Structures are given as C-alpha cells and as structure tokens.
Amino acid sequence: MGYTMTFDASHKVGRGGGHVRGFIRHIARDVDLDAGFQFAHANTNIVPDRTTLNFTRVNDGAGGFRALRSVDDKPPSDELEAYLTSRLAAVNKPLRKDAVVMRGIILQLDPKWFDEHNHDWREDGLNAEAVANIEASLKWACNEFSQKNLVGFSIHLDEYSPQLQVMMTPVTDGGRLSQKDFFKGPTDFRRQHKELREHMETAGYDVEHRVTERSREHLSSSEFQAKADRMRDATQDVEDDKATYETLLASLENRRTNLDGREDVIAQKEQELAIERSEARRATEVAQGAERRAKASQIAAQRAREEAERERDQLHATNKRLDLIQPDVERWLDKATFGGKPAREYFNNAAAKARANRAEVQRLIADDPTQQQPRSDDRQVED
C-alpha cells in the first residue's frame, strides 16, 4: 500500500501591508506563545490546545537551523523576519512594492500514514519514524530551493493533520529576487512532484506515485479550503460522537459499579441483620430460661415457707403441751423407770430432739429472708 505526499507551494507573501509579519507570526505561533506573545489567527483549523506541540526553527546562516529566542523583549518570530531581511539584502536591484518576497511551502505526509504508524500524535507528538520522514522532506526542500533560501520551518501539529511549513525566499545565486527561477511552470512543477516522491521513497517512505488533488492545484483555492473545513468538521463530528459514546459507556460503567456497591451494602446489612436476629433469639431464650428458673425458685421458696410455717406451728403446739405438765409429773419422771432406764432420761431425749427440730426450723427461717421471724409470744422449751 502506498501513501500520498503533498507538495503545495501556492501561498505567496507580498512585501507590503504587513503581510510578511502576519504570515511569519502565523507560522511561528508556538514560539511566540511560549514566550508570552499571543496573536490572533484566522485559520479555523487550528486547535489551540495543541499549539505547544509545534516545532519551529530559523535559519542559522551557517547551513543549519536553530531555535528561536526573544531579543530585546520582542516576539521570537521576529528572528524569522530578521533573517528574511538579511537574505533580501543580497538582492542587487531595489525591490518593487508588489514584490513577492516569500513563498509558503507545505510538505505533508498522508494522514492515513499517521493513522497507521503514529496514531497518538495528537497527544504525544511525533514518533521517531514520523520525524525521519519529515526531515527527509525538509532535506529535499533544502536541495531544491537552496538551504540558505529557507528562512525557517515549522512542523504544525495543531491542525487536522501534521504538516511541514517551509518559509522560502526566491533569491538566486546571482542576486535576483525571481520566483520564476524556482517555479518555472507546469512541466517543472510536475518534475518537482516526481523528484519529491522519488526522494521520499529512497528515504523509506512508502509513497504512492501519483499527484494528489492538492498537489495539482497551483493555488490554494477557496474550494480546497472548503474541503479542508468539511474534513475538519466531519472529523470533529466523529470525535464528538466518539466522546459522547465514551461518556455514555463511562456513565453506564459508573452506574454498574454503584449498583454493585449497593448490592454489597445490602448483602452486608442483611448479614448484620441475620446476626442481630440470631443474637436476639439467643437473648430471648436466655431470658425465658432465666424466667423459668426464677419461677421455679419462687415455687421452691413458697414451699419452704409453707413447710417452715408447719414446723413452727408444730413447735408452738409442742411448747403449749409442755407448759401443761404438772409438778407431780416432774416427780414422777424422776422416780419411774422403763426397761431399767429412768423415765426422766426418755423425757430428756425427747426434749433434746424437740430443741434440735426447733433449731433446724430457725436455721431454715434465717436462710429465707422472706420468712417472718417467730412471734414474740412463742414459748421456749425448757430442759
């Protein structure tokens, strides 16, 4: 597959009316902007955010090119005008007011080549292969028009496709300002195209050996500009649609991420709720067990109180019976015997058992704080 190679030398820069300065500032807009000088430009194809990616150089007068700088706080582009002035000083005859002192030459690789070999040039600039191809086209311009006639050049990356802009002044070795010596007519124009393509092919650029539409035009017509504008608008529409699509995708991805996050939160809350429910069930079971044990304790306490009441009543009755024993019974207990043992011994044993029973009842009452103390009128059993 071959790629086109565009050669456009249609732009003529006249001597008067500030044409030279306006054209130079347009070409070298990156260095002026970098130095803090900003000038208005009529070209609607310019994307200002990418102007800093441009690369501009001025003829150093010694067979090469160098970076521009601000002199005496003037715009750096003034150095291009200064070199042009020095080159025109070599012209033997006075310049006419309508003289064309400079031609703008555009050398442009096929936009398809950038799509396939340097597709990220809008963000990251030119890669090594692109630089090599553009340098090859600049070398051809130096050979074709003489390096000392190239006032400077700029690689523009802030338009719809990268292009090399060369500023050339048509000064002959004999000291004449003559465009016809460099642009002799249609036949020579075709020769220039043919030799440029051959030069680029030798340099390694897979060039297509046909003249492009723009290269056939000797002038930059309004029709070509309109086509360029339509291409720019179409490209912008595609980029806008792409941006809209990417924004939509990003929005959908965000919504999906948010939904996943919500599901995770819901799952977490459900897990926490299940744990809380389980703990509540365990707490309820513990409370119910405690309640059952409390009820059992209450029942047992009630039974103990009832038993204590019965024991106390029995003790009270026994004390009353003992109070009824007459003194002659006392004497009888001392005299009577049973089975060889005095009756008093049997009586004392019975009384000891009664006292022991009473002591046990009192202990039970002391262990139960709800049990009332014995009444004050309860009589004690005496030995």
Protein backbone atom coordinates (compact mmCIF):
# COMPACT_ATOMS: atom_id res chain seq x y z
CA MET A 1 0.00 0.00 0.00
CA GLY A 2 1.35 3.43 -0.99
CA TYR A 3 0.82 6.76 0.76
CA THR A 4 0.38 10.20 -0.74
CA MET A 5 2.95 13.00 -0.43
CA THR A 6 1.54 16.51 -0.72
CA PHE A 7 3.58 19.43 -2.09
CA ASP A 8 1.85 22.84 -2.05
CA ALA A 9 3.80 26.00 -2.96
CA SER A 10 0.81 28.16 -3.68
CA HIS A 11 0.99 30.73 -0.89
CA LYS A 12 2.68 33.97 -1.97
CA VAL A 13 3.75 36.52 0.61
CA GLY A 14 3.92 40.08 -0.61
CA ARG A 15 6.26 42.78 0.59
CA GLY A 16 3.73 45.38 1.76
CA GLY A 17 0.78 45.68 4.09
CA GLY A 18 2.31 43.76 6.96
CA HIS A 19 1.83 40.53 5.04
CA VAL A 20 5.28 39.22 5.92
CA ARG A 21 4.95 39.77 9.67
CA GLY A 22 1.42 38.37 9.81
CA PHE A 23 2.44 35.24 7.88
CA ILE A 24 5.57 34.66 9.97
CA ARG A 25 3.68 35.06 13.26
CA HIS A 26 1.06 32.64 11.99
CA ILE A 27 3.71 30.05 11.13
CA ALA A 28 5.76 30.53 14.34
CA ARG A 29 2.80 30.80 16.71
CA ASP A 30 4.18 28.17 19.09
CA VAL A 31 7.42 30.02 19.95
CA ASP A 32 5.60 33.35 20.36
CA LEU A 33 3.02 31.72 22.63
CA ASP A 34 5.76 30.06 24.68
CA ALA A 35 7.41 33.46 25.15
CA GLY A 36 4.15 35.06 26.29
CA PHE A 37 3.09 36.64 22.98
CA GLN A 38 -0.33 35.68 21.67
CA PHE A 39 -1.63 36.87 18.31
CA ALA A 40 -4.97 36.27 16.61
CA HIS A 41 -5.05 33.78 13.73
CA ALA A 42 -7.76 33.49 11.08
CA ASN A 43 -7.17 29.79 10.35
CA THR A 44 -10.16 27.96 11.84
CA ASN A 45 -8.35 24.61 11.56
CA ILE A 46 -6.04 25.48 14.47
CA VAL A 47 -6.58 23.62 17.74
CA PRO A 48 -5.03 25.99 20.33
CA ASP A 49 -4.57 23.28 22.96
CA ARG A 50 -2.09 21.50 20.67
CA THR A 51 -0.08 24.56 19.54
CA THR A 52 2.60 23.82 22.16
CA LEU A 53 3.34 20.58 20.24
CA ASN A 54 4.52 22.56 17.19
CA PHE A 55 8.25 22.73 16.37
CA THR A 56 9.71 25.90 14.79
CA ARG A 57 13.27 26.71 13.71
CA VAL A 58 15.05 29.64 11.99
CA ASN A 59 17.98 29.51 9.52
CA ASP A 60 21.23 29.92 11.46
CA GLY A 61 23.08 31.29 8.39
CA ALA A 62 25.68 28.53 8.62
CA GLY A 63 23.92 25.71 6.78
CA GLY A 64 21.58 24.64 9.56
CA PHE A 65 18.63 25.71 11.67
CA ARG A 66 18.34 26.76 15.32
CA ALA A 67 15.72 27.50 17.94
CA LEU A 68 14.19 30.99 18.07
CA ARG A 69 14.58 33.32 21.03
CA SER A 70 13.16 36.63 22.16
CA VAL A 71 15.55 39.54 21.54
CA ASP A 72 15.03 42.85 23.34
CA ASP A 73 11.68 41.57 24.69
CA LYS A 74 10.33 41.14 21.15
CA PRO A 75 8.41 38.13 19.85
CA PRO A 76 10.75 35.26 18.87
CA SER A 77 9.14 35.18 15.42
CA ASP A 78 10.88 38.50 14.69
CA GLU A 79 14.07 36.45 14.18
CA LEU A 80 12.50 34.92 11.07
CA GLU A 81 11.75 38.37 9.72
CA ALA A 82 15.32 39.45 10.55
CA TYR A 83 16.78 36.53 8.56
CA LEU A 84 14.47 37.28 5.64
CA THR A 85 15.66 40.89 5.68
CA SER A 86 19.30 39.78 5.69
CA ARG A 87 18.66 37.42 2.78
CA LEU A 88 16.85 40.10 0.76
CA ALA A 89 19.84 42.36 1.33
CA ALA A 90 21.69 40.13 -1.17
CA VAL A 91 19.31 41.22 -3.96
CA ASN A 92 21.07 43.56 -6.36
CA LYS A 93 18.09 45.61 -7.50
CA PRO A 94 15.63 47.58 -5.36
CA LEU A 95 12.53 45.60 -4.51
CA ARG A 96 9.22 46.53 -6.08
CA LYS A 97 6.37 47.44 -3.74
CA ASP A 98 4.36 44.45 -5.01
CA ALA A 99 7.29 42.04 -4.94
CA VAL A 100 6.67 38.52 -3.62
CA VAL A 101 9.46 38.12 -1.09
CA MET A 102 8.49 34.71 0.28
CA ARG A 103 6.61 31.56 -0.66
CA GLY A 104 4.93 29.30 1.84
CA ILE A 105 5.60 25.65 1.02
CA ILE A 106 3.63 22.82 2.59
CA LEU A 107 5.05 19.30 2.64
CA GLN A 108 2.62 16.81 4.11
CA LEU A 109 2.63 13.07 4.68
CA ASP A 110 -0.56 11.11 4.07
CA PRO A 111 -2.98 11.43 7.06
CA LYS A 112 -3.60 7.68 6.67
CA TRP A 113 0.08 7.08 7.35
CA PHE A 114 -0.27 8.79 10.74
CA ASP A 115 -3.41 6.78 11.49
CA GLU A 116 -1.46 3.57 10.94
CA HIS A 117 2.05 4.48 12.15
CA ASN A 118 1.66 7.38 14.62
CA HIS A 119 -2.00 7.41 15.65
CA ASP A 120 -1.33 9.12 19.01
CA TRP A 121 0.39 12.19 17.52
CA ARG A 122 -2.35 14.50 18.85
CA GLU A 123 -1.49 13.59 22.45
CA ASP A 124 2.18 12.55 22.39
CA GLY A 125 3.57 14.30 19.31
CA LEU A 126 5.61 12.69 16.54
CA ASN A 127 7.37 9.37 16.90
CA ALA A 128 10.86 8.67 15.53
CA GLU A 129 9.60 7.31 12.20
CA ALA A 130 7.43 10.37 11.57
CA VAL A 131 10.32 12.71 12.41
CA ALA A 132 12.60 10.84 9.99
CA ASN A 133 10.08 11.15 7.14
CA ILE A 134 9.50 14.87 7.78
CA GLU A 135 13.25 15.50 7.98
CA ALA A 136 13.61 13.73 4.61
CA SER A 137 11.05 16.08 3.02
CA LEU A 138 12.85 19.10 4.56
CA LYS A 139 16.14 17.86 3.09
CA TRP A 140 14.52 17.74 -0.35
CA ALA A 141 13.34 21.35 0.08
CA CYS A 142 16.90 22.40 1.04
CA ASN A 143 18.28 20.77 -2.11
CA GLU A 144 15.54 22.06 -4.39
CA PHE A 145 15.40 25.69 -3.24
CA SER A 146 18.83 26.08 -1.58
CA GLN A 147 19.16 25.83 2.18
CA LYS A 148 20.12 29.49 2.57
CA ASN A 149 16.81 30.50 0.93
CA LEU A 150 14.79 28.66 3.61
CA VAL A 151 14.04 31.39 6.16
CA GLY A 152 12.84 28.74 8.57
CA PHE A 153 10.31 25.99 9.01
CA SER A 154 7.65 24.80 11.44
CA ILE A 155 6.08 21.40 11.99
CA HIS A 156 2.44 22.05 12.80
CA LEU A 157 0.64 19.54 14.98
CA ASP A 158 -2.27 21.78 15.93
CA GLU A 159 -4.25 21.28 12.71
CA TYR A 160 -6.26 18.37 11.33
CA SER A 161 -3.09 16.55 10.17
CA PRO A 162 0.66 17.09 10.78
CA GLN A 163 2.37 19.19 8.12
CA LEU A 164 5.74 20.79 7.48
CA GLN A 165 5.50 24.52 6.75
CA VAL A 166 8.60 25.90 4.98
CA MET A 167 9.22 29.64 4.50
CA MET A 168 11.25 30.14 1.33
CA THR A 169 12.54 33.37 -0.23
CA PRO A 170 13.27 33.09 -4.01
CA VAL A 171 16.70 34.73 -4.15
CA THR A 172 19.03 33.42 -6.89
CA ASP A 173 22.76 32.95 -6.59
CA GLY A 174 23.09 35.90 -8.94
CA GLY A 175 21.35 38.21 -6.51
CA ARG A 176 17.93 38.40 -8.16
CA LEU A 177 14.54 38.03 -6.48
CA SER A 178 12.88 35.73 -9.01
CA GLN A 179 10.11 33.22 -8.42
CA LYS A 180 10.32 32.03 -12.00
CA ASP A 181 13.76 30.62 -11.39
CA PHE A 182 12.29 28.26 -8.81
CA PHE A 183 8.76 27.75 -10.17
CA LYS A 184 9.12 27.66 -13.93
CA GLY A 185 5.71 26.37 -14.93
CA PRO A 186 3.52 23.25 -15.05
CA THR A 187 6.19 21.00 -16.56
CA ASP A 188 8.76 21.90 -13.91
CA PHE A 189 6.08 21.68 -11.25
CA ARG A 190 5.45 18.06 -12.25
CA ARG A 191 9.19 17.42 -12.11
CA GLN A 192 9.31 18.71 -8.53
CA HIS A 193 6.48 16.38 -7.54
CA LYS A 194 8.12 13.41 -9.21
CA GLU A 195 11.53 14.05 -7.65
CA LEU A 196 9.98 14.63 -4.21
CA ARG A 197 8.21 11.26 -4.35
CA GLU A 198 11.37 9.52 -5.52
CA HIS A 199 13.35 11.18 -2.73
CA MET A 200 10.80 10.09 -0.11
CA GLU A 201 10.76 6.54 -1.47
CA THR A 202 14.55 6.39 -1.18
CA ALA A 203 14.25 7.62 2.41
CA GLY A 204 11.95 4.67 3.24
CA TYR A 205 8.52 6.29 2.91
CA ASP A 206 6.12 4.01 1.00
CA VAL A 207 4.98 6.73 -1.36
CA GLU A 208 2.27 6.44 -3.98
CA HIS A 209 3.47 7.63 -7.37
CA ARG A 210 0.55 9.82 -8.29
CA VAL A 211 -0.15 13.51 -7.91
CA THR A 212 -2.72 14.28 -5.23
CA GLU A 213 -5.60 16.68 -5.73
CA ARG A 214 -3.96 19.39 -3.70
CA SER A 215 -0.62 18.94 -5.46
CA ARG A 216 -2.29 19.50 -8.85
CA GLU A 217 -3.50 22.89 -7.70
CA HIS A 218 -1.12 25.76 -8.29
CA LEU A 219 -3.07 27.98 -5.90
CA SER A 220 -4.76 27.49 -2.52
CA SER A 221 -8.28 27.90 -3.78
CA SER A 222 -11.30 28.62 -1.63
CA GLU A 223 -12.67 25.30 -2.83
CA PHE A 224 -9.74 23.40 -1.32
CA GLN A 225 -10.12 25.35 1.96
CA ALA A 226 -13.81 24.49 1.97
CA LYS A 227 -12.91 20.83 1.54
CA ALA A 228 -10.42 21.09 4.37
CA ASP A 229 -13.09 22.73 6.53
CA ARG A 230 -15.57 19.98 5.70
CA MET A 231 -12.98 17.35 6.56
CA ARG A 232 -12.25 19.11 9.82
CA ASP A 233 -15.95 19.36 10.66
CA ALA A 234 -16.53 15.72 9.75
CA THR A 235 -13.55 14.68 11.87
CA GLN A 236 -14.83 16.80 14.73
CA ASP A 237 -18.30 15.25 14.41
CA VAL A 238 -16.76 11.79 14.58
CA GLU A 239 -14.67 12.79 17.59
CA ASP A 240 -17.73 14.32 19.27
CA ASP A 241 -19.76 11.17 18.64
CA LYS A 242 -16.89 9.08 19.96
CA ALA A 243 -16.63 11.30 23.04
CA THR A 244 -20.40 11.03 23.59
CA TYR A 245 -20.24 7.26 23.23
CA GLU A 246 -17.28 7.02 25.60
CA THR A 247 -19.08 9.28 28.09
CA LEU A 248 -22.16 7.05 27.87
CA LEU A 249 -20.04 3.95 28.41
CA ALA A 250 -18.33 5.59 31.38
CA SER A 251 -21.73 6.56 32.81
CA LEU A 252 -23.05 3.03 32.41
CA GLU A 253 -19.91 1.62 33.99
CA ASN A 254 -20.30 4.03 36.92
CA ARG A 255 -23.92 3.03 37.33
CA ARG A 256 -22.96 -0.65 37.23
CA THR A 257 -20.23 -0.04 39.80
CA ASN A 258 -22.65 1.89 42.01
CA LEU A 259 -25.24 -0.89 41.69
CA ASP A 260 -22.63 -3.48 42.63
CA GLY A 261 -21.70 -1.32 45.59
CA ARG A 262 -25.32 -1.05 46.67
CA GLU A 263 -25.77 -4.81 46.38
CA ASP A 264 -22.68 -5.31 48.54
CA VAL A 265 -24.06 -2.87 51.13
CA ILE A 266 -27.45 -4.60 51.09
CA ALA A 267 -25.80 -8.02 51.47
CA GLN A 268 -23.72 -6.70 54.35
CA LYS A 269 -26.77 -5.22 56.06
CA GLU A 270 -28.71 -8.45 55.55
CA GLN A 271 -25.84 -10.38 57.12
CA GLU A 272 -25.70 -7.96 60.06
CA LEU A 273 -29.50 -8.19 60.46
CA ALA A 274 -29.31 -12.02 60.46
CA ILE A 275 -26.64 -11.88 63.17
CA GLU A 276 -28.75 -9.45 65.20
CA ARG A 277 -31.81 -11.67 64.84
CA SER A 278 -29.79 -14.73 65.93
CA GLU A 279 -28.45 -12.84 68.94
CA ALA A 280 -31.95 -11.61 69.77
CA ARG A 281 -33.27 -15.19 69.64
CA ARG A 282 -30.47 -16.35 71.92
CA ALA A 283 -31.14 -13.45 74.30
CA THR A 284 -34.85 -14.32 74.31
CA GLU A 285 -34.09 -17.96 75.04
CA VAL A 286 -31.74 -16.95 77.86
CA ALA A 287 -34.38 -14.58 79.27
CA GLN A 288 -37.05 -17.24 79.04
CA GLY A 289 -34.75 -19.75 80.80
CA ALA A 290 -34.00 -17.20 83.50
CA GLU A 291 -37.71 -16.53 83.89
CA ARG A 292 -38.44 -20.26 84.21
CA ARG A 293 -35.67 -20.64 86.77
CA ALA A 294 -36.98 -17.62 88.70
CA LYS A 295 -40.47 -19.08 88.75
CA ALA A 296 -39.09 -22.42 89.94
CA SER A 297 -37.13 -20.61 92.65
CA GLN A 298 -40.26 -18.74 93.70
CA ILE A 299 -42.22 -22.01 93.91
CA ALA A 300 -39.45 -23.67 95.91
CA ALA A 301 -39.26 -20.67 98.24
CA GLN A 302 -43.01 -20.74 98.70
CA ARG A 303 -42.88 -24.44 99.54
CA ALA A 304 -40.05 -23.85 102.04
CA ARG A 305 -42.06 -21.06 103.68
CA GLU A 306 -45.09 -23.32 103.93
CA GLU A 307 -43.00 -26.15 105.44
CA ALA A 308 -41.41 -23.72 107.88
CA GLU A 309 -44.87 -22.49 108.88
CA ARG A 310 -45.97 -26.05 109.54
CA GLU A 311 -42.85 -26.79 111.58
CA ARG A 312 -43.32 -23.60 113.57
CA ASP A 313 -46.97 -24.41 114.25
CA GLN A 314 -45.96 -27.90 115.38
CA LEU A 315 -43.26 -26.46 117.66
CA HIS A 316 -45.73 -23.95 119.08
CA ALA A 317 -48.17 -26.75 119.83
CA THR A 318 -45.45 -28.81 121.49
CA ASN A 319 -44.43 -25.87 123.67
CA LYS A 320 -48.02 -25.42 124.74
CA ARG A 321 -48.27 -29.09 125.68
CA LEU A 322 -45.07 -28.88 127.64
CA ASP A 323 -46.45 -25.87 129.54
CA LEU A 324 -49.30 -28.10 130.74
CA ILE A 325 -47.01 -30.62 132.53
CA GLN A 326 -47.77 -30.54 136.33
CA PRO A 327 -45.08 -30.57 139.04
CA ASP A 328 -46.12 -34.03 140.15
CA VAL A 329 -45.30 -35.21 136.63
CA GLU A 330 -41.79 -33.91 137.23
CA ARG A 331 -41.52 -36.00 140.35
CA TRP A 332 -42.92 -38.99 138.53
CA LEU A 333 -40.30 -38.64 135.78
CA ASP A 334 -37.60 -38.81 138.43
CA LYS A 335 -39.00 -41.95 140.07
CA ALA A 336 -40.42 -44.01 137.20
CA THR A 337 -38.27 -46.37 135.17
CA PHE A 338 -38.82 -48.20 131.89
CA GLY A 339 -36.66 -51.16 130.85
CA GLY A 340 -34.25 -50.33 133.61
CA LYS A 341 -33.91 -46.67 132.47
CA PRO A 342 -35.46 -43.70 134.34
CA ALA A 343 -38.40 -42.01 132.65
CA ARG A 344 -36.51 -38.70 133.02
CA GLU A 345 -33.88 -39.99 130.53
CA TYR A 346 -36.56 -40.78 127.96
CA PHE A 347 -38.10 -37.36 128.56
CA ASN A 348 -34.76 -35.52 128.21
CA ASN A 349 -34.02 -37.35 124.94
CA ALA A 350 -37.41 -36.33 123.56
CA ALA A 351 -36.87 -32.72 124.68
CA ALA A 352 -33.40 -32.66 123.01
CA LYS A 353 -34.92 -33.86 119.75
CA ALA A 354 -37.58 -31.17 120.05
CA ARG A 355 -34.90 -28.49 120.59
CA ALA A 356 -32.93 -29.81 117.63
CA ASN A 357 -36.01 -29.64 115.44
CA ARG A 358 -36.66 -26.10 116.62
CA ALA A 359 -33.07 -25.06 115.87
CA GLU A 360 -33.35 -26.50 112.34
CA VAL A 361 -36.58 -24.60 111.74
CA GLN A 362 -34.92 -21.36 112.92
CA ARG A 363 -31.97 -22.02 110.58
CA LEU A 364 -34.33 -22.52 107.63
CA ILE A 365 -36.11 -19.29 108.53
CA ALA A 366 -32.76 -17.42 108.69
CA ASP A 367 -31.78 -18.74 105.22
CA ASP A 368 -35.06 -17.44 103.73
CA PRO A 369 -35.13 -13.60 104.09
CA THR A 370 -38.82 -13.60 103.15
CA GLN A 371 -39.73 -15.79 106.13
CA GLN A 372 -41.09 -13.88 109.09
CA GLN A 373 -39.32 -14.17 112.45
CA PRO A 374 -41.05 -16.27 115.14
CA ARG A 375 -43.68 -14.42 117.08
CA SER A 376 -42.53 -12.92 120.36
CA ASP A 377 -45.11 -14.86 122.36
CA ASP A 378 -43.68 -18.26 121.26
CA ARG A 379 -42.59 -20.12 124.36
CA GLN A 380 -39.22 -21.87 124.54
CA VAL A 381 -38.89 -25.47 125.58
CA GLU A 382 -37.05 -25.75 128.85
CA ASP A 383 -34.91 -28.66 129.87
